[in-house]
Protein backbone atom coordinates (compact mmCIF):
# COMPACT_ATOMS: atom_id res chain seq x y z
CA MET A 1 23.78 -3.52 34.85
CA LYS A 2 20.77 -5.59 33.81
CA LYS A 3 21.59 -7.84 30.88
CA THR A 4 19.48 -8.53 27.82
CA VAL A 5 20.15 -12.11 26.72
CA LEU A 6 19.17 -13.35 23.27
CA LEU A 7 18.85 -17.10 23.65
CA THR A 8 18.27 -19.57 20.82
CA GLY A 9 16.62 -22.91 21.51
CA GLY A 10 14.96 -21.66 24.67
CA ALA A 11 12.01 -24.06 24.46
CA GLY A 12 14.22 -27.16 24.31
CA PHE A 13 15.43 -29.21 27.25
CA ILE A 14 18.56 -27.28 28.29
CA GLY A 15 17.30 -23.99 26.86
CA SER A 16 14.07 -24.05 28.85
CA ALA A 17 16.02 -24.83 32.03
CA LEU A 18 18.23 -21.82 31.29
CA VAL A 19 15.18 -19.61 30.71
CA ARG A 20 13.66 -20.71 34.02
CA TYR A 21 16.96 -20.00 35.78
CA LEU A 22 17.44 -16.56 34.21
CA ILE A 23 13.86 -15.47 34.93
CA ASN A 24 13.72 -16.90 38.47
CA GLU A 25 17.27 -16.28 39.70
CA THR A 26 18.57 -13.20 37.83
CA ASP A 27 17.24 -9.83 36.67
CA ALA A 28 18.11 -10.52 33.01
CA THR A 29 15.68 -9.87 30.18
CA VAL A 30 15.38 -13.01 28.02
CA ILE A 31 14.70 -12.95 24.28
CA ASN A 32 13.75 -16.57 23.62
CA ILE A 33 13.98 -17.75 20.00
CA ASP A 34 12.83 -21.27 19.17
CA LYS A 35 11.53 -23.00 16.06
CA LEU A 36 9.27 -25.23 18.22
CA THR A 37 10.17 -28.48 16.52
CA TYR A 38 9.13 -31.83 18.04
CA ALA A 39 11.57 -31.39 20.98
CA GLY A 40 10.70 -27.77 21.78
CA SER A 41 7.66 -26.80 23.81
CA LEU A 42 6.54 -23.69 25.65
CA HIS A 43 5.09 -26.09 28.23
CA SER A 44 8.70 -26.66 29.31
CA LEU A 45 9.12 -23.08 30.50
CA GLY A 46 7.29 -23.84 33.72
CA GLY A 47 5.45 -20.53 33.74
CA ALA A 48 8.58 -18.42 33.19
CA ASP A 49 7.10 -17.28 29.88
CA ALA A 50 4.45 -15.31 31.80
CA ASN A 51 7.13 -13.01 33.22
CA GLU A 52 7.37 -9.55 31.65
CA ARG A 53 11.15 -10.03 31.20
CA HIS A 54 10.54 -12.98 28.85
CA HIS A 55 9.94 -12.32 25.14
CA PHE A 56 9.30 -15.30 22.87
CA HIS A 57 9.65 -15.45 19.08
CA GLN A 58 8.98 -18.57 17.03
CA GLU A 59 11.68 -18.38 14.37
CA ASP A 60 14.21 -20.64 12.65
CA ILE A 61 17.90 -19.75 13.06
CA VAL A 62 18.40 -20.72 9.41
CA ASP A 63 16.32 -17.60 8.55
CA VAL A 64 19.10 -15.01 8.61
CA ASP A 65 16.76 -12.06 7.99
CA ALA A 66 14.66 -12.98 11.04
CA MET A 67 17.79 -13.31 13.19
CA ARG A 68 19.10 -9.94 12.04
CA ARG A 69 15.75 -8.28 12.73
CA LEU A 70 15.54 -9.67 16.28
CA VAL A 71 19.14 -8.79 17.16
CA ASN A 72 18.66 -5.24 15.90
CA GLN A 73 15.31 -4.95 17.69
CA TYR A 74 16.49 -6.08 21.12
CA GLN A 75 20.19 -5.02 21.08
CA PRO A 76 21.32 -7.91 23.31
CA ASP A 77 24.26 -7.74 25.70
CA LEU A 78 24.83 -11.48 25.31
CA ILE A 79 23.88 -14.14 22.76
CA MET A 80 23.57 -17.71 24.07
CA HIS A 81 23.24 -20.19 21.23
CA LEU A 82 21.64 -23.50 22.23
CA ALA A 83 19.36 -24.13 19.24
CA ALA A 84 20.34 -27.44 17.66
CA GLU A 85 19.08 -30.72 16.41
CA SER A 86 20.45 -32.88 19.20
CA HIS A 87 19.17 -36.46 19.12
CA VAL A 88 21.85 -38.83 17.83
CA ASP A 89 19.40 -41.51 16.72
CA ARG A 90 17.44 -39.00 14.65
CA SER A 91 20.69 -37.82 13.01
CA ILE A 92 21.25 -41.37 11.78
CA ASP A 93 17.77 -41.48 10.22
CA GLY A 94 17.92 -37.98 8.71
CA PRO A 95 21.25 -36.11 8.82
CA GLY A 96 20.20 -33.28 6.46
CA GLU A 97 18.24 -31.38 9.10
CA PHE A 98 21.27 -31.49 11.39
CA ILE A 99 23.50 -29.95 8.73
CA GLN A 100 21.00 -27.14 8.12
CA THR A 101 20.30 -26.21 11.73
CA ASN A 102 23.62 -26.93 13.44
CA ILE A 103 26.01 -25.69 10.74
CA ILE A 104 24.12 -23.24 8.50
CA GLY A 105 22.10 -21.90 11.43
CA THR A 106 25.23 -21.30 13.50
CA TYR A 107 26.94 -19.60 10.54
CA ASN A 108 23.95 -17.28 10.13
CA LEU A 109 23.97 -16.35 13.82
CA LEU A 110 27.70 -15.68 13.76
CA GLU A 111 27.36 -13.36 10.78
CA VAL A 112 24.45 -11.48 12.36
CA ALA A 113 26.37 -11.23 15.65
CA ARG A 114 29.48 -9.98 13.84
CA GLU A 115 27.55 -7.23 12.02
CA TYR A 116 25.89 -6.23 15.29
CA TYR A 117 29.13 -6.29 17.33
CA GLU A 118 30.98 -4.15 14.80
CA GLY A 119 28.38 -1.43 15.35
CA LEU A 120 28.70 -1.40 19.15
CA ASP A 121 30.84 0.93 21.23
CA GLY A 122 31.61 1.69 24.86
CA GLU A 123 30.64 -0.70 27.66
CA LYS A 124 28.13 -2.50 25.45
CA ARG A 125 30.97 -3.50 23.12
CA GLU A 126 33.33 -4.34 26.00
CA SER A 127 30.93 -6.78 27.67
CA PHE A 128 29.38 -8.44 24.59
CA LYS A 129 29.83 -12.19 24.18
CA PHE A 130 28.57 -14.93 21.87
CA HIS A 131 28.29 -18.18 23.84
CA HIS A 132 28.12 -21.36 21.79
CA ILE A 133 26.79 -24.35 23.74
CA SER A 134 28.09 -27.66 22.43
CA THR A 135 28.63 -31.29 23.45
CA ASP A 136 31.38 -33.65 24.56
CA GLU A 137 30.41 -35.91 21.65
CA VAL A 138 32.61 -33.81 19.32
CA TYR A 139 35.63 -35.51 20.92
CA GLY A 140 34.58 -39.00 19.83
CA SER A 141 34.91 -42.06 22.04
CA LEU A 142 37.23 -42.77 24.98
CA GLY A 143 38.80 -46.08 25.92
CA GLU A 144 38.56 -47.59 29.38
CA SER A 145 40.48 -44.70 30.93
CA GLY A 146 41.18 -41.02 30.34
CA LEU A 147 39.04 -37.88 30.25
CA PHE A 148 38.09 -35.31 27.64
CA THR A 149 39.83 -31.98 28.21
CA GLU A 150 39.46 -28.68 26.38
CA THR A 151 42.46 -29.63 24.21
CA THR A 152 41.30 -33.14 23.22
CA ARG A 153 41.30 -33.43 19.44
CA TYR A 154 37.96 -33.64 17.68
CA LYS A 155 36.90 -37.03 16.34
CA PRO A 156 33.08 -37.06 15.93
CA ASN A 157 31.43 -40.36 15.02
CA SER A 158 27.76 -39.55 14.34
CA PRO A 159 26.11 -37.08 11.97
CA TYR A 160 24.95 -35.17 15.06
CA SER A 161 28.40 -34.85 16.64
CA ALA A 162 29.99 -34.05 13.28
CA SER A 163 27.54 -31.18 12.79
CA LYS A 164 28.27 -29.85 16.29
CA ALA A 165 32.01 -30.16 15.71
CA SER A 166 31.59 -28.14 12.53
CA SER A 167 29.71 -25.42 14.39
CA ASP A 168 32.38 -25.31 17.12
CA HIS A 169 35.04 -24.73 14.46
CA LEU A 170 33.00 -21.93 12.89
CA VAL A 171 32.68 -20.16 16.24
CA ARG A 172 36.41 -20.44 16.88
CA ALA A 173 37.17 -19.12 13.38
CA TRP A 174 34.88 -16.08 13.80
CA ASN A 175 36.72 -15.32 17.05
CA LYS A 176 40.17 -15.60 15.50
CA THR A 177 39.42 -14.05 12.10
CA TYR A 178 36.85 -11.36 12.91
CA LYS A 179 37.63 -10.82 16.64
CA LEU A 180 34.03 -11.64 17.62
CA PRO A 181 34.11 -12.22 21.41
CA VAL A 182 33.08 -15.83 22.01
CA VAL A 183 33.10 -18.57 24.60
CA ILE A 184 32.40 -22.23 23.86
CA SER A 185 31.23 -24.88 26.29
CA ASN A 186 31.11 -28.63 25.76
CA CYS A 187 28.92 -30.57 28.17
CA SER A 188 28.35 -34.18 29.10
CA ASN A 189 24.97 -35.97 29.03
CA ASN A 190 22.27 -33.80 30.58
CA TYR A 191 19.29 -35.21 32.44
CA GLY A 192 16.50 -33.86 34.62
CA PRO A 193 12.92 -32.53 34.42
CA PHE A 194 11.40 -31.46 31.08
CA GLN A 195 13.60 -33.70 28.89
CA PHE A 196 11.92 -34.93 25.70
CA PRO A 197 10.62 -38.48 26.29
CA GLU A 198 12.74 -40.22 23.63
CA LYS A 199 15.95 -39.77 25.64
CA LEU A 200 17.22 -42.69 27.76
CA ILE A 201 16.18 -41.63 31.27
CA PRO A 202 12.64 -40.34 30.60
CA LEU A 203 12.07 -43.19 28.12
CA VAL A 204 12.99 -45.81 30.72
CA ILE A 205 10.77 -44.18 33.35
CA GLN A 206 7.77 -44.07 31.02
CA LYS A 207 8.24 -47.63 29.72
CA ALA A 208 8.80 -49.00 33.23
CA ILE A 209 5.58 -47.64 34.68
CA SER A 210 3.71 -48.71 31.54
CA GLY A 211 4.88 -52.30 32.03
CA GLU A 212 6.81 -52.34 28.74
CA PRO A 213 10.26 -53.85 28.05
CA LEU A 214 13.17 -51.53 28.90
CA PRO A 215 15.42 -51.66 25.79
CA ILE A 216 19.18 -51.45 26.42
CA TYR A 217 21.58 -51.08 23.47
CA GLY A 218 24.18 -53.84 23.19
CA LYS A 219 25.36 -55.04 26.59
CA GLY A 220 24.51 -51.77 28.33
CA ASP A 221 28.18 -51.14 29.06
CA ASN A 222 28.49 -47.81 27.22
CA VAL A 223 29.63 -45.18 29.72
CA ARG A 224 28.41 -41.60 29.99
CA ASP A 225 29.09 -38.76 32.42
CA TRP A 226 25.73 -37.50 33.69
CA LEU A 227 25.09 -33.81 34.42
CA PHE A 228 21.92 -32.56 36.11
CA VAL A 229 20.45 -29.88 33.86
CA ASP A 230 19.99 -27.29 36.62
CA ASP A 231 23.70 -27.57 37.44
CA HIS A 232 24.53 -27.14 33.76
CA VAL A 233 22.57 -23.91 33.29
CA LYS A 234 24.27 -22.35 36.31
CA ALA A 235 27.58 -23.20 34.64
CA LEU A 236 26.41 -21.64 31.38
CA TRP A 237 25.56 -18.35 33.09
CA GLN A 238 28.92 -18.37 34.87
CA ILE A 239 30.71 -18.97 31.57
CA VAL A 240 28.95 -16.27 29.56
CA THR A 241 29.27 -13.62 32.30
CA THR A 242 32.77 -14.37 33.62
CA GLY A 243 34.45 -16.64 31.06
CA GLU A 244 37.46 -15.39 29.12
CA ASN A 245 37.10 -14.41 25.48
CA GLY A 246 38.09 -17.20 23.10
CA GLN A 247 38.16 -19.89 25.77
CA VAL A 248 36.54 -23.33 25.83
CA TYR A 249 35.07 -24.77 29.03
CA ASN A 250 34.11 -28.40 29.55
CA VAL A 251 31.12 -28.92 31.85
CA GLY A 252 30.75 -32.35 33.45
CA GLY A 253 28.86 -33.90 36.31
CA HIS A 254 31.61 -36.13 37.77
CA ASN A 255 29.14 -39.01 37.41
CA GLU A 256 30.39 -41.77 35.09
CA LYS A 257 27.80 -44.52 34.77
CA THR A 258 27.19 -47.40 32.38
CA ASN A 259 23.78 -47.36 30.70
CA ILE A 260 22.78 -50.55 32.49
CA ASP A 261 23.67 -49.00 35.87
CA VAL A 262 21.53 -45.95 35.03
CA VAL A 263 18.56 -48.14 34.14
CA LYS A 264 18.98 -50.31 37.24
CA THR A 265 19.16 -47.18 39.42
CA ILE A 266 15.90 -45.92 37.93
CA CYS A 267 14.30 -49.32 38.51
CA GLY A 268 15.42 -49.28 42.13
CA ILE A 269 13.92 -45.84 42.74
CA LEU A 270 10.65 -46.89 41.10
CA ASP A 271 10.59 -50.04 43.27
CA ASP A 272 10.80 -47.68 46.24
CA VAL A 273 8.36 -44.91 45.25
CA LYS A 274 5.96 -46.66 42.83
CA PRO A 275 6.26 -50.44 43.19
CA ARG A 276 4.59 -52.70 40.67
CA GLU A 277 1.23 -54.05 41.78
CA ASP A 278 2.50 -57.63 41.39
CA GLY A 279 5.56 -56.90 43.54
CA VAL A 280 8.00 -57.92 40.79
CA PRO A 281 11.10 -55.65 40.59
CA TYR A 282 11.17 -53.32 37.58
CA GLU A 283 14.57 -54.77 36.61
CA GLN A 284 12.67 -57.78 35.28
CA GLN A 285 11.50 -55.58 32.39
CA ILE A 286 15.07 -54.97 31.12
CA THR A 287 15.74 -56.37 27.65
CA PHE A 288 18.84 -56.08 25.46
CA VAL A 289 18.55 -54.95 21.82
CA ALA A 290 20.95 -54.57 18.90
CA ASP A 291 23.38 -51.69 19.39
CA ARG A 292 22.95 -48.52 17.37
CA PRO A 293 25.39 -47.76 14.50
CA GLY A 294 28.55 -45.90 15.56
CA HIS A 295 27.63 -46.03 19.26
CA ASP A 296 30.52 -44.35 21.12
CA ARG A 297 31.89 -46.49 23.92
CA ARG A 298 32.64 -43.99 26.64
CA TYR A 299 32.48 -40.26 27.32
CA ALA A 300 33.94 -38.63 30.41
CA ILE A 301 34.76 -34.98 31.01
CA ASP A 302 37.58 -33.37 32.96
CA ALA A 303 35.82 -30.31 34.41
CA ALA A 304 38.88 -29.04 36.33
CA LYS A 305 39.26 -25.88 34.23
CA ILE A 306 35.81 -24.44 34.92
CA GLU A 307 36.19 -25.24 38.62
CA LYS A 308 39.63 -23.66 38.86
CA GLU A 309 39.02 -20.58 36.68
CA LEU A 310 35.30 -19.85 37.21
CA GLY A 311 34.55 -21.56 40.53
CA TRP A 312 31.78 -23.84 39.24
CA THR A 313 31.14 -27.35 40.51
CA PRO A 314 27.95 -29.43 40.22
CA GLU A 315 25.69 -29.41 43.26
CA GLU A 316 23.80 -32.63 42.51
CA THR A 317 25.23 -36.13 42.75
CA PHE A 318 23.80 -38.65 40.32
CA GLU A 319 21.92 -40.26 43.19
CA THR A 320 20.19 -37.03 44.26
CA GLY A 321 19.60 -35.82 40.71
CA ILE A 322 18.16 -39.05 39.36
CA ARG A 323 15.74 -39.36 42.29
CA LYS A 324 14.51 -35.81 41.68
CA THR A 325 14.13 -36.63 37.99
CA VAL A 326 12.15 -39.84 38.52
CA GLU A 327 9.84 -38.15 41.01
CA TRP A 328 9.29 -35.23 38.62
CA TYR A 329 8.27 -37.51 35.73
CA LEU A 330 5.93 -39.48 37.97
CA SER A 331 4.13 -36.25 38.87
CA SER A 332 4.21 -34.78 35.33
CA ALA A 333 2.24 -37.20 33.16
CA GLU A 334 0.27 -34.28 31.70
CA TRP A 335 3.46 -32.59 30.46
CA VAL A 336 4.74 -35.86 28.93
CA ALA A 337 1.46 -36.32 27.07
CA LYS A 338 1.50 -32.73 25.78
CA VAL A 339 5.04 -32.78 24.39
CA SER A 340 5.32 -36.34 23.07
CA GLY A 341 3.41 -35.50 19.89
CA GLU A 342 3.90 -38.22 17.29
CA TYR A 343 6.71 -39.92 19.21
CA ASP A 344 5.39 -43.27 20.44
CA GLY A 345 8.41 -44.59 22.33
CA GLY A 346 9.66 -46.60 19.36
CA ARG A 347 13.27 -47.07 18.33
CA LEU A 348 15.04 -44.50 16.17
CA GLY A 349 18.40 -44.64 14.43
CA GLY A 350 18.60 -48.09 12.86
């Protein structure tokens, strides 16, 4: 049966990748809801928005009446909730927006979904799911060893991760209290084409080819697990269509890297595909800056559950994914210029 998917945040980085996947690789109808803030752009849909199965609405998930109207209009089989304020540095500068969107917005969607679900019957009711897409940052910071699992206790350290932790708890509560069918996924750091230029990887690429210093927080020894965005969206579709009601699935890339290693890898690729005119290695542009407040030391995900229960594993290694990403940004200067808006590459978050 063809699915109608109501997707929030579908013009953002992960959301737009999911839209492209659903339009290009499935027969699903996509109802794409996005507020089109600084990090959301229809340019990121890569032409998928021209497909007759794609329906876009510029709305804010905090507007409960708009959400209710759209759910009633389209009668979705699945709701995939990605809309969120997601940039940690921005949450340090202005946490209020994160509370509104990530907590109040999620609450509104849950209430609209609950009203809608209670009116369903038959197969439509049996197959309905609310999929909440979250982050591994809700678990806090790891030491030198160990991995986040689905049962790791929550210990968020930034306004962003605290707001996502709050929304995770709301989703779990609506499942337990009101029997709303839900799945939750927590992912590691995503990277790939169409990522807003203030994030580490696209920022380093842009600054490198512009001849600017490449700023690294602290000593550059913070560790992240890197997940190629196209692998992530395949996992999301697997989770929402085959995941078990009430379950949490961690999605990781099996690619732990320090920030300095990531930057040096990018520099090495640029040396290969777009060497500096003066022949000096791009690594010479690396500079170390004061660390950001509350900077978590290490994240790493144990993705054994999703592999064992749902059969998903990432296809890209970090080496293949980062090369694809660098090459995409080098060929997509027009997109970068269109979406950057007022962001000038400067530091955010203290």
